[in-house]
């Protein structure tokens, strides 16, 4: 049989824990933690889950080290939330680090919980700045701080990938400003959550979708419609800023801040204040290039006119020179032709004289060898049957005709 003195009941154990907690921590404590969950119920009470995480390692996620439930009762929540918003410009939200004054309590059924009675907004603002400085230092240590600014910005930025929320007023302002400019931009929205706990992951995914189609765009625009320093905390995160710094296209930011400059602005190629300012910058860039083209066309027309005039003068000069040369060539040709005509006449006369002399000589030769002259010298031509006889063979007994210088006779050969 078990000795009852050796054990206690669960409720007794819980009561001892409760007493120990209340005796150990009788006074409120200032506690630093991150809000992992926050919900305000219908009665106005605010219920939170507070967590402490280890410092994130490069490439790894922070690991929870402690977690506890907390509550801000309705009356205090109305006052504290209003005060916190007025000091930080942002409402209490998941992912936010806070310094809270808490009363530690322990309940037998619900366990350990904290009742928040006060908040220190300056800590939250200081934590945002601390995270910002850590991100800057890490990016500089990685050697990527200036990478995006070194990306060449096209002269004409017409194909624009916009990372923003489709429901954001800043995105609508951006589109209206572009339309008012009158230039043909091709804008494609890559929808993303722009604030809150999910913003960092959503923005990174949107940039990854743009990077998968990098050849289709000239630049990336990240815009949102303003907000407090806490609202802009995602734009100081190392992961998102590393994406922006190493992005393969020039990044233009218009995050809508009035005073503070986010780290994303610092590493972007061109940081501007608002979405409207980004649209105006794109329009002005187009207008500048249009003005340059108009000026270039005017200068080209002027240069073409000057070149045409120079060539016209040059052509006229060459035409005059050609006309003068042609006249000189024609005159020389005419004189040469005249000279050749005179030479031809002289040569023709000489040739005719030579041919006449040759004809006379030939005539004398022919005359000297003519049959009539030979016959006059005492020769005769003997023909038989009308053919001249040159041989005496076979002529015996035949009749022949003998032609003399004067007259002819018929004879019989004996």
Protein backbone atom coordinates (compact mmCIF):
# COMPACT_ATOMS: atom_id res chain seq x y z
CA UNK A 1 0.00 0.00 0.00
CA UNK A 2 1.33 3.42 -1.03
CA UNK A 3 2.22 5.79 1.74
CA UNK A 4 0.06 8.93 1.34
CA UNK A 5 2.81 11.01 2.91
CA UNK A 6 5.00 10.35 -0.12
CA UNK A 7 2.86 12.16 -2.74
CA UNK A 8 0.71 15.24 -3.26
CA UNK A 9 -2.16 15.91 -5.64
CA UNK A 10 -1.81 17.82 -8.88
CA UNK A 11 -3.76 20.74 -7.50
CA UNK A 12 -1.46 20.83 -4.51
CA UNK A 13 1.54 20.89 -6.86
CA UNK A 14 -0.01 23.69 -8.87
CA UNK A 15 -0.73 25.66 -5.71
CA UNK A 16 2.89 25.29 -4.63
CA UNK A 17 4.08 26.48 -8.07
CA UNK A 18 1.66 29.40 -7.87
CA UNK A 19 2.89 30.34 -4.42
CA UNK A 20 6.52 30.02 -5.50
CA UNK A 21 5.99 32.22 -8.56
CA UNK A 22 4.08 34.88 -6.66
CA UNK A 23 6.61 34.91 -3.82
CA UNK A 24 9.59 34.99 -6.21
CA UNK A 25 8.13 37.71 -8.45
CA UNK A 26 5.79 39.79 -6.31
CA UNK A 27 6.43 43.01 -8.24
CA UNK A 28 5.92 43.88 -11.93
CA UNK A 29 8.90 43.21 -14.21
CA UNK A 30 10.04 44.86 -17.45
CA UNK A 31 10.39 42.11 -20.06
CA UNK A 32 11.69 42.21 -23.63
CA UNK A 33 10.05 39.82 -26.09
CA UNK A 34 8.66 39.47 -29.58
CA UNK A 35 4.96 39.25 -30.31
CA UNK A 36 4.39 36.00 -32.19
CA UNK A 37 0.59 36.14 -32.10
CA UNK A 38 -1.91 38.86 -31.21
CA UNK A 39 -5.71 38.73 -31.09
CA UNK A 40 -8.27 41.15 -29.69
CA UNK A 41 -11.50 39.34 -28.81
CA UNK A 42 -15.06 40.66 -28.96
CA UNK A 43 -14.91 41.91 -25.36
CA UNK A 44 -11.88 44.13 -26.08
CA UNK A 45 -9.27 42.06 -24.23
CA UNK A 46 -5.98 41.56 -26.12
CA UNK A 47 -4.39 38.12 -25.97
CA UNK A 48 -0.76 37.66 -27.05
CA UNK A 49 1.86 34.99 -27.44
CA UNK A 50 5.29 36.32 -26.53
CA UNK A 51 8.44 34.59 -27.69
CA UNK A 52 12.19 34.98 -27.34
CA UNK A 53 14.26 33.77 -30.29
CA UNK A 54 17.92 33.11 -30.74
CA UNK A 55 19.87 35.44 -33.00
CA UNK A 56 19.43 34.32 -36.62
CA UNK A 57 22.43 32.64 -38.22
CA UNK A 58 23.33 33.43 -41.78
CA UNK A 59 21.12 31.34 -44.01
CA UNK A 60 19.15 29.95 -41.05
CA UNK A 61 15.99 30.90 -39.17
CA UNK A 62 15.98 32.02 -35.52
CA UNK A 63 15.00 29.31 -33.01
CA UNK A 64 12.49 29.99 -30.17
CA UNK A 65 14.14 29.86 -26.74
CA UNK A 66 11.16 30.78 -24.55
CA UNK A 67 7.43 31.34 -24.98
CA UNK A 68 4.58 32.51 -22.77
CA UNK A 69 0.98 33.71 -22.97
CA UNK A 70 0.13 37.31 -22.10
CA UNK A 71 -2.95 39.47 -21.83
CA UNK A 72 -3.79 43.15 -21.81
CA UNK A 73 -7.17 43.72 -20.21
CA UNK A 74 -9.71 45.81 -22.05
CA UNK A 75 -9.36 49.05 -20.09
CA UNK A 76 -5.57 49.01 -20.26
CA UNK A 77 -5.49 47.87 -23.90
CA UNK A 78 -7.50 50.87 -25.12
CA UNK A 79 -5.09 53.24 -23.37
CA UNK A 80 -1.83 51.39 -24.13
CA UNK A 81 -2.58 50.72 -27.82
CA UNK A 82 -3.48 54.36 -28.41
CA UNK A 83 -0.33 55.54 -26.63
CA UNK A 84 1.88 53.04 -28.47
CA UNK A 85 0.49 54.04 -31.87
CA UNK A 86 0.92 57.76 -31.18
CA UNK A 87 4.58 57.23 -30.16
CA UNK A 88 5.66 54.74 -32.82
CA UNK A 89 3.20 55.47 -35.61
CA UNK A 90 2.28 51.80 -35.67
CA UNK A 91 -0.15 49.49 -33.95
CA UNK A 92 0.92 46.47 -31.95
CA UNK A 93 1.37 43.59 -34.37
CA UNK A 94 2.89 40.15 -34.79
CA UNK A 95 6.63 40.15 -35.40
CA UNK A 96 7.16 43.31 -33.36
CA UNK A 97 9.65 43.45 -30.49
CA UNK A 98 8.36 45.20 -27.38
CA UNK A 99 9.43 46.07 -23.84
CA UNK A 100 6.46 45.44 -21.55
CA UNK A 101 5.85 45.84 -17.85
CA UNK A 102 4.23 42.60 -16.71
CA UNK A 103 2.73 41.01 -13.66
CA UNK A 104 3.59 37.32 -13.48
CA UNK A 105 0.71 35.05 -12.48
CA UNK A 106 0.13 31.37 -12.33
CA UNK A 107 -3.25 29.63 -12.54
CA UNK A 108 -3.91 26.04 -11.62
CA UNK A 109 -5.86 25.42 -14.84
CA UNK A 110 -4.28 27.82 -17.32
CA UNK A 111 -0.66 27.77 -16.22
CA UNK A 112 1.82 30.63 -16.40
CA UNK A 113 0.73 33.92 -17.96
CA UNK A 114 1.73 37.56 -18.00
CA UNK A 115 -0.51 40.55 -17.51
CA UNK A 116 0.85 43.56 -19.41
CA UNK A 117 0.31 46.83 -17.60
CA UNK A 118 2.64 49.19 -19.52
CA UNK A 119 4.71 49.46 -22.73
CA UNK A 120 7.90 51.33 -23.60
CA UNK A 121 7.54 52.54 -27.24
CA UNK A 122 11.12 53.87 -27.32
CA UNK A 123 12.46 50.31 -27.05
CA UNK A 124 10.48 49.22 -30.12
CA UNK A 125 11.77 52.17 -32.10
CA UNK A 126 15.32 51.49 -30.88
CA UNK A 127 15.02 47.82 -31.80
CA UNK A 128 13.96 48.77 -35.32
CA UNK A 129 17.07 50.96 -35.63
CA UNK A 130 19.28 48.22 -34.15
CA UNK A 131 18.02 45.71 -36.71
CA UNK A 132 18.54 48.31 -39.41
CA UNK A 133 22.18 48.87 -38.45
CA UNK A 134 22.81 45.12 -38.24
CA UNK A 135 21.43 44.67 -41.75
CA UNK A 136 23.63 47.48 -43.11
CA UNK A 137 26.74 46.02 -41.49
CA UNK A 138 26.01 42.51 -42.79
CA UNK A 139 25.36 43.67 -46.37
CA UNK A 140 28.59 45.67 -46.38
CA UNK A 141 30.49 42.71 -44.98
CA UNK A 142 29.01 40.51 -47.75
CA UNK A 143 30.34 42.93 -50.39
CA UNK A 144 26.94 43.41 -52.02
CA UNK A 145 26.19 46.95 -50.79
CA UNK A 146 26.83 48.67 -54.15
CA UNK A 147 25.92 45.86 -56.56
CA UNK A 148 22.49 47.07 -57.67
CA UNK A 149 23.67 50.65 -58.13
CA UNK A 150 26.27 49.28 -60.55
CA UNK A 151 23.55 47.74 -62.76
CA UNK A 152 23.22 49.85 -65.95
CA UNK A 153 19.89 51.68 -66.12
CA UNK A 154 18.48 51.64 -69.69
CA UNK A 155 17.98 55.04 -71.31
CA UNK A 156 14.34 54.14 -71.96
CA UNK A 157 12.65 52.33 -69.08
CA UNK A 158 9.37 51.17 -70.63
CA UNK A 159 8.97 47.56 -69.45
CA UNK A 160 8.42 47.88 -65.71
CA UNK A 161 7.92 45.08 -63.17
CA UNK A 162 6.05 46.52 -60.18
CA UNK A 163 6.25 44.80 -56.79
CA UNK A 164 3.35 46.12 -54.74
CA UNK A 165 -0.08 45.27 -53.41
CA UNK A 166 -2.91 45.42 -55.94
CA UNK A 167 -5.11 46.99 -53.26
CA UNK A 168 -2.59 49.66 -52.24
CA UNK A 169 -3.48 53.29 -52.87
CA UNK A 170 0.18 53.91 -53.74
CA UNK A 171 -0.03 51.46 -56.65
CA UNK A 172 -3.14 53.18 -58.00
CA UNK A 173 -1.43 56.59 -57.65
CA UNK A 174 1.58 55.21 -59.51
CA UNK A 175 -0.56 53.95 -62.41
CA UNK A 176 -2.53 57.22 -62.66
CA UNK A 177 0.67 59.27 -62.74
CA UNK A 178 2.12 57.10 -65.51
CA UNK A 179 -1.06 57.36 -67.58
CA UNK A 180 -1.07 61.15 -67.17
CA UNK A 181 2.48 61.28 -68.57
CA UNK A 182 1.26 60.12 -71.98
CA UNK A 183 4.06 57.62 -72.68
CA UNK A 184 3.65 53.95 -73.61
CA UNK A 185 4.78 52.00 -70.52
CA UNK A 186 4.24 48.26 -70.17
CA UNK A 187 3.60 47.69 -66.48
CA UNK A 188 3.12 44.28 -64.88
CA UNK A 189 2.19 43.92 -61.22
CA UNK A 190 3.75 41.24 -59.04
CA UNK A 191 1.36 41.27 -56.09
CA UNK A 192 2.90 41.12 -52.61
CA UNK A 193 2.08 41.83 -48.97
CA UNK A 194 3.72 45.15 -48.17
CA UNK A 195 3.67 45.22 -44.34
CA UNK A 196 3.31 42.93 -41.38
CA UNK A 197 4.83 39.59 -40.51
CA UNK A 198 4.20 38.05 -43.95
CA UNK A 199 5.66 41.00 -45.89
CA UNK A 200 9.29 39.85 -46.04
CA UNK A 201 8.48 36.40 -47.40
CA UNK A 202 5.89 37.76 -49.84
CA UNK A 203 8.24 40.43 -51.20
CA UNK A 204 11.07 37.94 -51.66
CA UNK A 205 8.75 35.57 -53.55
CA UNK A 206 7.59 38.41 -55.78
CA UNK A 207 11.20 39.36 -56.60
CA UNK A 208 11.96 35.72 -57.40
CA UNK A 209 9.06 35.68 -59.89
CA UNK A 210 10.47 38.80 -61.55
CA UNK A 211 13.98 37.31 -61.65
CA UNK A 212 12.61 34.25 -63.47
CA UNK A 213 11.56 36.59 -66.31
CA UNK A 214 14.40 39.07 -66.10
CA UNK A 215 14.77 39.43 -69.90
CA UNK A 216 11.21 40.79 -70.17
CA UNK A 217 11.80 43.94 -68.09
CA UNK A 218 14.00 47.03 -68.03
CA UNK A 219 13.73 47.71 -64.28
CA UNK A 220 11.92 46.72 -61.08
CA UNK A 221 9.84 49.15 -59.03
CA UNK A 222 9.02 48.46 -55.38
CA UNK A 223 6.26 50.79 -54.14
CA UNK A 224 3.84 51.15 -51.23
CA UNK A 225 1.72 53.98 -49.94
CA UNK A 226 3.62 55.18 -46.89
CA UNK A 227 3.55 54.10 -43.26
CA UNK A 228 5.32 54.33 -39.95
CA UNK A 229 8.83 53.17 -39.13
CA UNK A 230 7.44 49.95 -37.71
CA UNK A 231 5.33 49.38 -40.81
CA UNK A 232 8.47 49.67 -42.89
CA UNK A 233 10.51 47.27 -40.77
CA UNK A 234 10.40 44.54 -43.43
CA UNK A 235 12.37 46.86 -45.72
CA UNK A 236 15.22 46.76 -43.20
CA UNK A 237 15.37 42.95 -43.08
CA UNK A 238 18.62 41.37 -44.20
CA UNK A 239 16.99 38.80 -46.46
CA UNK A 240 14.89 41.26 -48.48
CA UNK A 241 17.67 43.86 -48.71
CA UNK A 242 20.10 41.17 -49.86
CA UNK A 243 17.64 40.26 -52.63
CA UNK A 244 17.41 43.91 -53.68
CA UNK A 245 21.18 44.50 -53.56
CA UNK A 246 21.94 41.48 -55.76
CA UNK A 247 18.96 41.75 -58.11
CA UNK A 248 19.94 41.40 -61.80
CA UNK A 249 17.87 44.44 -62.83
CA UNK A 250 18.11 48.02 -61.53
CA UNK A 251 15.65 48.49 -58.63
CA UNK A 252 13.71 51.73 -58.07
CA UNK A 253 12.03 52.18 -54.68
CA UNK A 254 9.12 54.40 -53.70
CA UNK A 255 8.20 53.07 -50.27
CA UNK A 256 6.37 56.20 -49.16
CA UNK A 257 8.37 57.20 -46.11
CA UNK A 258 8.61 60.84 -45.10
CA UNK A 259 11.69 60.90 -42.87
CA UNK A 260 13.43 57.57 -42.49
CA UNK A 261 15.36 55.88 -45.26
CA UNK A 262 15.06 52.10 -45.27
CA UNK A 263 17.99 49.81 -46.00
CA UNK A 264 16.17 48.67 -49.15
CA UNK A 265 16.34 52.31 -50.33
CA UNK A 266 20.06 52.41 -49.56
CA UNK A 267 20.94 49.36 -51.66
CA UNK A 268 18.48 50.08 -54.50
CA UNK A 269 19.71 51.61 -57.74
CA UNK A 270 17.41 54.65 -57.48
CA UNK A 271 15.59 55.45 -54.19
CA UNK A 272 12.64 57.85 -54.38
CA UNK A 273 10.16 59.02 -51.76
CA UNK A 274 6.74 57.96 -53.00
CA UNK A 275 5.05 55.86 -55.72
CA UNK A 276 3.99 59.09 -57.43
CA UNK A 277 7.61 60.28 -57.40
CA UNK A 278 8.68 57.00 -59.05
CA UNK A 279 6.08 57.43 -61.81
CA UNK A 280 7.14 61.06 -62.29
CA UNK A 281 10.81 59.96 -62.48
CA UNK A 282 10.00 57.37 -65.16
CA UNK A 283 7.94 59.91 -67.11
CA UNK A 284 10.63 62.57 -66.81
CA UNK A 285 13.24 60.08 -68.01
CA UNK A 286 11.12 59.36 -71.08
CA UNK A 287 10.57 63.09 -71.63
CA UNK A 288 14.32 63.70 -71.39
CA UNK A 289 15.03 61.05 -74.01
CA UNK A 290 12.22 62.37 -76.19
CA UNK A 291 13.70 65.86 -75.92
CA UNK A 292 17.11 64.47 -76.79
CA UNK A 293 15.65 62.72 -79.84
CA UNK A 294 13.83 65.88 -80.95
CA UNK A 295 17.00 67.93 -80.52
CA UNK A 296 19.01 65.24 -82.31
CA UNK A 297 16.50 65.22 -85.19
CA UNK A 298 16.75 69.01 -85.47
CA UNK A 299 20.53 68.87 -85.42
CA UNK A 300 20.47 66.03 -87.96
CA UNK A 301 18.15 68.02 -90.23
CA UNK A 302 20.43 71.04 -89.89
CA UNK A 303 23.54 68.97 -90.62
CA UNK A 304 21.80 67.32 -93.58
CA UNK A 305 20.79 70.74 -94.93
CA UNK A 306 24.34 72.04 -94.52
CA UNK A 307 25.78 68.93 -96.14
CA UNK A 308 23.27 69.21 -99.00
CA UNK A 309 24.19 72.86 -99.56
CA UNK A 310 27.91 72.02 -99.52
CA UNK A 311 27.37 69.23 -102.01
CA UNK A 312 25.20 71.49 -104.20
CA UNK A 313 27.98 74.11 -104.33
CA UNK A 314 30.54 71.39 -104.93
CA UNK A 315 28.39 69.91 -107.71
CA UNK A 316 27.97 73.31 -109.33
CA UNK A 317 31.74 73.84 -109.18
CA UNK A 318 32.41 70.41 -110.63
CA UNK A 319 29.75 71.03 -113.29
CA UNK A 320 31.42 74.28 -114.31
CA UNK A 321 34.82 72.60 -114.32
CA UNK A 322 33.43 69.73 -116.35
CA UNK A 323 31.84 72.13 -118.85
CA UNK A 324 35.14 74.01 -119.19
CA UNK A 325 37.08 70.77 -119.59
CA UNK A 326 34.57 69.51 -122.13
CA UNK A 327 34.91 72.71 -124.14
CA UNK A 328 38.70 72.44 -124.01
CA UNK A 329 38.58 68.77 -125.00
CA UNK A 330 36.17 69.55 -127.83
CA UNK A 331 38.35 72.42 -129.04
CA UNK A 332 41.46 70.24 -128.94
CA UNK A 333 39.55 67.49 -130.69
CA UNK A 334 38.29 69.91 -133.35
CA UNK A 335 41.80 71.26 -133.93
CA UNK A 336 43.19 67.74 -134.07
CA UNK A 337 40.45 66.72 -136.48
CA UNK A 338 41.18 69.74 -138.65
CA UNK A 339 44.85 68.91 -138.60
CA UNK A 340 44.12 65.28 -139.41
CA UNK A 341 41.81 66.39 -142.24
CA UNK A 342 44.60 68.50 -143.70
CA UNK A 343 47.06 65.66 -143.22
CA UNK A 344 44.57 63.24 -144.80
CA UNK A 345 44.19 65.49 -147.84
CA UNK A 346 47.95 65.73 -148.24
CA UNK A 347 48.41 62.01 -147.71
CA UNK A 348 45.58 61.26 -150.14
CA UNK A 349 47.14 63.45 -152.83
CA UNK A 350 50.50 61.80 -152.30
CA UNK A 351 48.93 58.34 -152.38
CA UNK A 352 47.04 59.19 -155.55
CA UNK A 353 50.22 60.51 -157.13
CA UNK A 354 52.09 57.35 -156.15
CA UNK A 355 49.29 55.15 -157.45
CA UNK A 356 49.14 57.20 -160.67
CA UNK A 357 52.89 56.80 -161.13
CA UNK A 358 52.57 53.08 -160.53
CA UNK A 359 49.69 52.89 -163.02
CA UNK A 360 51.78 54.70 -165.59
CA UNK A 361 54.66 52.32 -165.00
CA UNK A 362 52.30 49.34 -165.19
CA UNK A 363 50.76 50.79 -168.34
CA UNK A 364 54.19 51.14 -169.90
CA UNK A 365 55.00 47.56 -168.93
CA UNK A 366 51.72 46.34 -170.33
CA UNK A 367 52.25 48.42 -173.46
CA UNK A 368 55.74 47.04 -173.84
CA UNK A 369 54.44 43.48 -173.55
CA UNK A 370 51.23 43.83 -175.52
CA UNK A 371 50.73 41.24 -178.40
CA UNK A 372 50.28 44.02 -180.95
CA UNK A 373 53.72 45.47 -180.15
CA UNK A 374 55.26 41.99 -180.24
CA UNK A 375 53.64 41.33 -183.60
CA UNK A 376 54.97 44.60 -184.88
CA UNK A 377 58.43 43.37 -184.03
CA UNK A 378 57.94 40.57 -186.65
CA UNK A 379 56.50 37.87 -184.59
CA UNK A 380 53.32 35.97 -185.51
CA UNK A 381 50.68 33.93 -183.70
CA UNK A 382 49.92 30.46 -185.18
CA UNK A 383 46.53 28.97 -184.32
CA UNK A 384 45.02 25.60 -185.18
CA UNK A 385 41.38 25.10 -184.60
CA UNK A 386 41.34 28.49 -182.84
CA UNK A 387 44.08 27.50 -180.35
CA UNK A 388 47.55 29.00 -180.27
CA UNK A 389 50.26 26.55 -181.33
CA UNK A 390 53.35 26.37 -179.18
CA UNK A 391 54.87 23.09 -180.50
CA UNK A 392 55.56 21.81 -184.04
CA UNK A 393 54.83 18.25 -183.10
CA UNK A 394 51.81 16.83 -184.91
CA UNK A 395 51.30 19.83 -187.19
CA UNK A 396 52.34 18.20 -190.45
CA UNK A 397 49.55 18.35 -193.02
CA UNK A 398 47.31 20.53 -190.93
CA UNK A 399 45.98 23.92 -191.81
CA UNK A 400 46.77 26.77 -189.47
CA UNK A 401 45.90 30.47 -189.19
CA UNK A 402 48.81 32.87 -188.90
CA UNK A 403 48.16 36.26 -187.35
CA UNK A 404 50.60 39.00 -188.26
CA UNK A 405 50.97 42.61 -187.21
CA UNK A 406 48.98 43.58 -190.23
CA UNK A 407 46.46 41.01 -191.32
CA UNK A 408 46.41 37.16 -191.17
CA UNK A 409 46.96 34.24 -193.59
CA UNK A 410 45.92 30.57 -193.77
CA UNK A 411 48.61 28.04 -194.47
CA UNK A 412 49.19 24.28 -194.69
CA UNK A 413 52.07 22.84 -192.77
CA UNK A 414 54.51 20.77 -194.97
